[in-house]
Amino acid sequence: MKYAVLEEILLEFKDASLGFPFDEKTAVFKVANKIFALVGLEWNPLGINLKCDPDDAQILRSQFEAITPGYHMNKDHWNTVILDGSLDPRLVRKLIEDSYLLVVRKMSKNEQKRLGVD
């Protein structure tokens, strides 16, 4: 998957924004100022860190070689997904959506409603 496609998917979510608060090689995607994805622009192949339910994280890591504990992140709550072509793009999109929803569901009920997540 190319970065341009990945960025387009990440920014499809309501109020998703892109910034570079750490350095110019780490794209950080947020919703309501909370991180839901980080992309290592210099990684080859491209990789993305995504928030994940701890139980699901373990299962995904056991099923897919391209999914590993989150690089430089809390290993219980984040996975690194290597976009080397071995994962179905629908799975990647679902993992991104799950990460976004995990972050939004930790927000106030009013914020969840504003974002269309109940």
N, C-alpha and C. Protein backbone atom coordinates (compact mmCIF):
# COMPACT_ATOMS: atom_id res chain seq x y z
N MET A 1 0.85 -1.18 0.00
CA MET A 1 0.00 0.00 0.00
C MET A 1 0.89 1.24 0.00
N LYS A 2 0.54 2.17 -0.82
CA LYS A 2 1.29 3.43 -0.93
C LYS A 2 0.81 4.39 0.17
N TYR A 3 1.71 5.29 0.58
CA TYR A 3 1.37 6.23 1.63
C TYR A 3 0.16 7.09 1.25
N ALA A 4 0.08 7.55 0.02
CA ALA A 4 -1.03 8.43 -0.41
C ALA A 4 -2.38 7.74 -0.20
N VAL A 5 -2.46 6.47 -0.48
CA VAL A 5 -3.70 5.70 -0.29
C VAL A 5 -3.99 5.58 1.21
N LEU A 6 -2.97 5.27 1.97
CA LEU A 6 -3.13 5.13 3.42
C LEU A 6 -3.60 6.45 4.04
N GLU A 7 -2.98 7.54 3.65
CA GLU A 7 -3.37 8.86 4.17
C GLU A 7 -4.83 9.17 3.83
N GLU A 8 -5.23 8.86 2.63
CA GLU A 8 -6.61 9.09 2.22
C GLU A 8 -7.59 8.31 3.11
N ILE A 9 -7.27 7.05 3.38
CA ILE A 9 -8.12 6.23 4.25
C ILE A 9 -8.20 6.84 5.65
N LEU A 10 -7.05 7.21 6.20
CA LEU A 10 -6.99 7.74 7.56
C LEU A 10 -7.76 9.05 7.71
N LEU A 11 -7.75 9.86 6.68
CA LEU A 11 -8.42 11.16 6.76
C LEU A 11 -9.90 11.11 6.39
N GLU A 12 -10.39 9.93 6.01
CA GLU A 12 -11.82 9.76 5.73
C GLU A 12 -12.67 9.84 6.99
N PHE A 13 -12.08 9.56 8.13
CA PHE A 13 -12.82 9.54 9.38
C PHE A 13 -13.13 10.95 9.86
N LYS A 14 -14.31 11.11 10.44
CA LYS A 14 -14.78 12.42 10.86
C LYS A 14 -13.78 13.06 11.84
N ASP A 15 -13.41 14.29 11.52
CA ASP A 15 -12.49 15.11 12.32
C ASP A 15 -11.07 14.56 12.40
N ALA A 16 -10.73 13.62 11.56
CA ALA A 16 -9.35 13.12 11.53
C ALA A 16 -8.44 14.23 11.00
N SER A 17 -7.27 14.34 11.60
CA SER A 17 -6.30 15.35 11.16
C SER A 17 -4.92 14.73 11.11
N LEU A 18 -4.07 15.36 10.33
CA LEU A 18 -2.70 14.90 10.14
C LEU A 18 -1.75 15.97 10.64
N GLY A 19 -0.73 15.54 11.38
CA GLY A 19 0.30 16.46 11.84
C GLY A 19 1.63 15.74 11.97
N PHE A 20 2.66 16.53 12.25
CA PHE A 20 4.01 15.99 12.42
C PHE A 20 4.61 16.55 13.71
N PRO A 21 4.03 16.21 14.87
CA PRO A 21 4.49 16.81 16.12
C PRO A 21 5.85 16.30 16.62
N PHE A 22 6.29 15.16 16.15
CA PHE A 22 7.55 14.58 16.63
C PHE A 22 8.72 14.87 15.70
N ASP A 23 8.52 14.62 14.43
CA ASP A 23 9.55 14.84 13.41
C ASP A 23 8.90 14.75 12.04
N GLU A 24 9.66 15.04 11.00
CA GLU A 24 9.11 15.05 9.64
C GLU A 24 8.96 13.66 9.03
N LYS A 25 9.39 12.63 9.74
CA LYS A 25 9.28 11.28 9.19
C LYS A 25 8.22 10.42 9.88
N THR A 26 7.47 11.02 10.82
CA THR A 26 6.40 10.30 11.50
C THR A 26 5.10 11.07 11.35
N ALA A 27 4.21 10.56 10.51
CA ALA A 27 2.89 11.18 10.31
C ALA A 27 1.98 10.72 11.45
N VAL A 28 1.36 11.68 12.12
CA VAL A 28 0.51 11.39 13.26
C VAL A 28 -0.92 11.79 12.92
N PHE A 29 -1.82 10.83 13.06
CA PHE A 29 -3.23 11.05 12.75
C PHE A 29 -4.00 11.08 14.07
N LYS A 30 -4.81 12.14 14.23
CA LYS A 30 -5.55 12.34 15.47
C LYS A 30 -7.02 12.56 15.18
N VAL A 31 -7.82 12.32 16.21
CA VAL A 31 -9.22 12.69 16.22
C VAL A 31 -9.43 13.42 17.54
N ALA A 32 -9.97 14.64 17.47
CA ALA A 32 -10.18 15.46 18.67
C ALA A 32 -8.92 15.50 19.53
N ASN A 33 -7.80 15.69 18.89
CA ASN A 33 -6.48 15.83 19.53
C ASN A 33 -5.97 14.56 20.22
N LYS A 34 -6.53 13.41 19.87
CA LYS A 34 -6.08 12.12 20.41
C LYS A 34 -5.54 11.27 19.27
N ILE A 35 -4.37 10.70 19.46
CA ILE A 35 -3.73 9.89 18.41
C ILE A 35 -4.46 8.57 18.21
N PHE A 36 -4.72 8.25 16.93
CA PHE A 36 -5.26 6.93 16.62
C PHE A 36 -4.38 6.17 15.62
N ALA A 37 -3.41 6.85 15.02
CA ALA A 37 -2.50 6.17 14.08
C ALA A 37 -1.21 6.96 13.91
N LEU A 38 -0.12 6.25 13.74
CA LEU A 38 1.17 6.85 13.42
C LEU A 38 1.76 6.07 12.26
N VAL A 39 2.31 6.79 11.29
CA VAL A 39 2.88 6.16 10.11
C VAL A 39 4.36 6.53 10.01
N GLY A 40 5.21 5.51 9.95
CA GLY A 40 6.64 5.73 9.75
C GLY A 40 6.92 5.93 8.27
N LEU A 41 7.08 7.18 7.86
CA LEU A 41 7.23 7.48 6.43
C LEU A 41 8.50 6.92 5.81
N GLU A 42 9.52 6.70 6.63
CA GLU A 42 10.78 6.18 6.10
C GLU A 42 10.90 4.68 6.22
N TRP A 43 9.88 4.04 6.78
CA TRP A 43 9.93 2.59 6.89
C TRP A 43 9.80 1.97 5.52
N ASN A 44 10.53 0.91 5.31
CA ASN A 44 10.44 0.18 4.05
C ASN A 44 10.42 -1.31 4.38
N PRO A 45 9.26 -1.94 4.26
CA PRO A 45 8.00 -1.41 3.74
C PRO A 45 7.32 -0.47 4.74
N LEU A 46 6.34 0.25 4.23
CA LEU A 46 5.58 1.20 5.02
C LEU A 46 4.92 0.49 6.20
N GLY A 47 4.86 1.16 7.35
CA GLY A 47 4.22 0.58 8.52
C GLY A 47 3.37 1.61 9.23
N ILE A 48 2.40 1.12 9.99
CA ILE A 48 1.49 1.99 10.72
C ILE A 48 1.26 1.42 12.12
N ASN A 49 1.29 2.29 13.11
CA ASN A 49 0.94 1.90 14.47
C ASN A 49 -0.52 2.22 14.69
N LEU A 50 -1.27 1.24 15.19
CA LEU A 50 -2.70 1.40 15.42
C LEU A 50 -3.07 0.92 16.82
N LYS A 51 -3.97 1.64 17.44
CA LYS A 51 -4.49 1.25 18.76
C LYS A 51 -5.31 -0.03 18.56
N CYS A 52 -5.27 -0.90 19.58
CA CYS A 52 -5.95 -2.19 19.46
C CYS A 52 -6.34 -2.68 20.84
N ASP A 53 -7.48 -3.31 20.93
CA ASP A 53 -7.90 -3.97 22.17
C ASP A 53 -6.82 -5.00 22.52
N PRO A 54 -6.36 -5.05 23.78
CA PRO A 54 -5.26 -5.95 24.14
C PRO A 54 -5.49 -7.42 23.77
N ASP A 55 -6.70 -7.92 23.96
CA ASP A 55 -6.96 -9.32 23.61
C ASP A 55 -6.89 -9.53 22.10
N ASP A 56 -7.48 -8.61 21.36
CA ASP A 56 -7.43 -8.69 19.89
C ASP A 56 -6.00 -8.54 19.39
N ALA A 57 -5.22 -7.70 20.05
CA ALA A 57 -3.83 -7.48 19.63
C ALA A 57 -3.06 -8.78 19.62
N GLN A 58 -3.20 -9.56 20.68
CA GLN A 58 -2.50 -10.84 20.78
C GLN A 58 -2.94 -11.81 19.69
N ILE A 59 -4.23 -11.86 19.45
CA ILE A 59 -4.76 -12.77 18.43
C ILE A 59 -4.23 -12.39 17.05
N LEU A 60 -4.29 -11.10 16.73
CA LEU A 60 -3.81 -10.64 15.42
C LEU A 60 -2.33 -10.94 15.24
N ARG A 61 -1.55 -10.74 16.28
CA ARG A 61 -0.10 -11.01 16.19
C ARG A 61 0.18 -12.49 15.96
N SER A 62 -0.68 -13.34 16.52
CA SER A 62 -0.47 -14.78 16.34
C SER A 62 -0.91 -15.25 14.95
N GLN A 63 -1.83 -14.50 14.32
CA GLN A 63 -2.36 -14.90 13.02
C GLN A 63 -1.60 -14.32 11.83
N PHE A 64 -0.97 -13.15 12.02
CA PHE A 64 -0.37 -12.44 10.89
C PHE A 64 1.06 -12.02 11.21
N GLU A 65 1.98 -12.47 10.41
CA GLU A 65 3.39 -12.12 10.59
C GLU A 65 3.61 -10.62 10.45
N ALA A 66 2.79 -9.95 9.67
CA ALA A 66 2.96 -8.51 9.42
C ALA A 66 2.36 -7.64 10.53
N ILE A 67 1.83 -8.26 11.58
CA ILE A 67 1.29 -7.51 12.72
C ILE A 67 2.12 -7.87 13.94
N THR A 68 2.76 -6.85 14.52
CA THR A 68 3.67 -7.04 15.64
C THR A 68 3.33 -6.05 16.76
N PRO A 69 3.92 -6.24 17.94
CA PRO A 69 3.69 -5.25 19.01
C PRO A 69 4.08 -3.85 18.55
N GLY A 70 3.35 -2.85 19.02
CA GLY A 70 3.55 -1.47 18.58
C GLY A 70 4.98 -0.97 18.77
N TYR A 71 5.58 -0.54 17.70
CA TYR A 71 6.94 -0.02 17.71
C TYR A 71 6.96 1.31 18.47
N HIS A 72 7.75 1.38 19.52
CA HIS A 72 7.87 2.57 20.39
C HIS A 72 6.54 2.96 21.04
N MET A 73 5.66 1.98 21.24
CA MET A 73 4.35 2.25 21.83
C MET A 73 4.09 1.25 22.95
N ASN A 74 3.01 1.46 23.68
CA ASN A 74 2.58 0.50 24.70
C ASN A 74 2.23 -0.80 23.98
N LYS A 75 2.97 -1.85 24.27
CA LYS A 75 2.83 -3.12 23.54
C LYS A 75 1.50 -3.82 23.80
N ASP A 76 0.81 -3.46 24.88
CA ASP A 76 -0.48 -4.06 25.17
C ASP A 76 -1.60 -3.45 24.33
N HIS A 77 -1.48 -2.17 24.01
CA HIS A 77 -2.58 -1.43 23.39
C HIS A 77 -2.33 -0.98 21.95
N TRP A 78 -1.15 -1.25 21.43
CA TRP A 78 -0.82 -0.80 20.07
C TRP A 78 -0.17 -1.94 19.29
N ASN A 79 -0.52 -2.02 18.03
CA ASN A 79 0.12 -2.94 17.09
C ASN A 79 0.79 -2.14 15.99
N THR A 80 1.87 -2.68 15.47
CA THR A 80 2.46 -2.17 14.25
C THR A 80 2.02 -3.09 13.12
N VAL A 81 1.48 -2.49 12.08
CA VAL A 81 1.01 -3.23 10.91
C VAL A 81 1.95 -2.89 9.76
N ILE A 82 2.67 -3.89 9.29
CA ILE A 82 3.60 -3.70 8.17
C ILE A 82 2.82 -3.89 6.87
N LEU A 83 2.86 -2.88 6.04
CA LEU A 83 2.08 -2.88 4.79
C LEU A 83 2.94 -3.40 3.64
N ASP A 84 3.26 -4.68 3.73
CA ASP A 84 4.14 -5.32 2.74
C ASP A 84 3.36 -6.07 1.66
N GLY A 85 2.03 -5.91 1.67
CA GLY A 85 1.20 -6.58 0.67
C GLY A 85 0.67 -7.92 1.13
N SER A 86 1.09 -8.39 2.29
CA SER A 86 0.65 -9.71 2.75
C SER A 86 -0.73 -9.67 3.42
N LEU A 87 -1.19 -8.50 3.80
CA LEU A 87 -2.51 -8.38 4.45
C LEU A 87 -3.56 -7.90 3.46
N ASP A 88 -4.74 -8.43 3.58
CA ASP A 88 -5.87 -7.99 2.76
C ASP A 88 -6.14 -6.52 3.07
N PRO A 89 -6.25 -5.67 2.06
CA PRO A 89 -6.53 -4.24 2.29
C PRO A 89 -7.80 -4.01 3.11
N ARG A 90 -8.77 -4.90 3.02
CA ARG A 90 -9.98 -4.76 3.83
C ARG A 90 -9.67 -4.95 5.32
N LEU A 91 -8.74 -5.84 5.64
CA LEU A 91 -8.32 -6.03 7.02
C LEU A 91 -7.61 -4.77 7.52
N VAL A 92 -6.73 -4.22 6.71
CA VAL A 92 -6.01 -3.00 7.10
C VAL A 92 -7.01 -1.88 7.38
N ARG A 93 -7.97 -1.71 6.50
CA ARG A 93 -9.00 -0.68 6.68
C ARG A 93 -9.79 -0.93 7.98
N LYS A 94 -10.11 -2.19 8.27
CA LYS A 94 -10.84 -2.53 9.49
C LYS A 94 -10.01 -2.23 10.73
N LEU A 95 -8.71 -2.52 10.69
CA LEU A 95 -7.84 -2.24 11.82
C LEU A 95 -7.74 -0.73 12.07
N ILE A 96 -7.71 0.05 11.00
CA ILE A 96 -7.68 1.51 11.12
C ILE A 96 -8.98 1.99 11.76
N GLU A 97 -10.10 1.49 11.27
CA GLU A 97 -11.40 1.87 11.82
C GLU A 97 -11.49 1.49 13.30
N ASP A 98 -11.04 0.30 13.65
CA ASP A 98 -11.06 -0.14 15.04
C ASP A 98 -10.24 0.79 15.93
N SER A 99 -9.08 1.21 15.44
CA SER A 99 -8.23 2.12 16.20
C SER A 99 -8.94 3.45 16.44
N TYR A 100 -9.53 4.00 15.39
CA TYR A 100 -10.28 5.26 15.48
C TYR A 100 -11.41 5.11 16.50
N LEU A 101 -12.17 4.04 16.41
CA LEU A 101 -13.31 3.83 17.31
C LEU A 101 -12.88 3.63 18.76
N LEU A 102 -11.77 2.94 18.98
CA LEU A 102 -11.27 2.76 20.35
C LEU A 102 -10.96 4.11 20.98
N VAL A 103 -10.38 5.01 20.21
CA VAL A 103 -10.04 6.34 20.72
C VAL A 103 -11.31 7.14 20.98
N VAL A 104 -12.22 7.15 20.02
CA VAL A 104 -13.44 7.94 20.15
C VAL A 104 -14.30 7.44 21.31
N ARG A 105 -14.35 6.15 21.51
CA ARG A 105 -15.20 5.59 22.57
C ARG A 105 -14.68 5.90 23.98
N LYS A 106 -13.47 6.42 24.08
CA LYS A 106 -12.94 6.87 25.37
C LYS A 106 -13.30 8.34 25.64
N MET A 107 -13.91 8.99 24.67
CA MET A 107 -14.28 10.40 24.80
C MET A 107 -15.65 10.54 25.46
N SER A 108 -16.01 11.76 25.78
CA SER A 108 -17.31 12.01 26.40
C SER A 108 -18.43 11.58 25.46
N LYS A 109 -19.60 11.33 26.03
CA LYS A 109 -20.77 10.95 25.23
C LYS A 109 -21.11 12.05 24.22
N ASN A 110 -21.00 13.30 24.62
CA ASN A 110 -21.27 14.41 23.70
C ASN A 110 -20.31 14.40 22.51
N GLU A 111 -19.04 14.15 22.80
CA GLU A 111 -18.04 14.10 21.72
C GLU A 111 -18.30 12.90 20.82
N GLN A 112 -18.65 11.78 21.39
CA GLN A 112 -18.96 10.59 20.59
C GLN A 112 -20.15 10.88 19.67
N LYS A 113 -21.15 11.52 20.21
CA LYS A 113 -22.33 11.84 19.42
C LYS A 113 -21.97 12.81 18.29
N ARG A 114 -21.15 13.81 18.60
CA ARG A 114 -20.73 14.77 17.59
C ARG A 114 -19.98 14.07 16.45
N LEU A 115 -19.23 13.05 16.79
CA LEU A 115 -18.44 12.31 15.80
C LEU A 115 -19.24 11.19 15.15
N GLY A 116 -20.48 11.01 15.58
CA GLY A 116 -21.34 10.01 14.97
C GLY A 116 -21.08 8.60 15.46
N VAL A 117 -20.51 8.48 16.66
CA VAL A 117 -20.22 7.17 17.23
C VAL A 117 -20.99 7.07 18.54
N ASP A 118 -21.94 6.16 18.60
CA ASP A 118 -22.73 5.98 19.82
C ASP A 118 -22.51 4.60 20.40
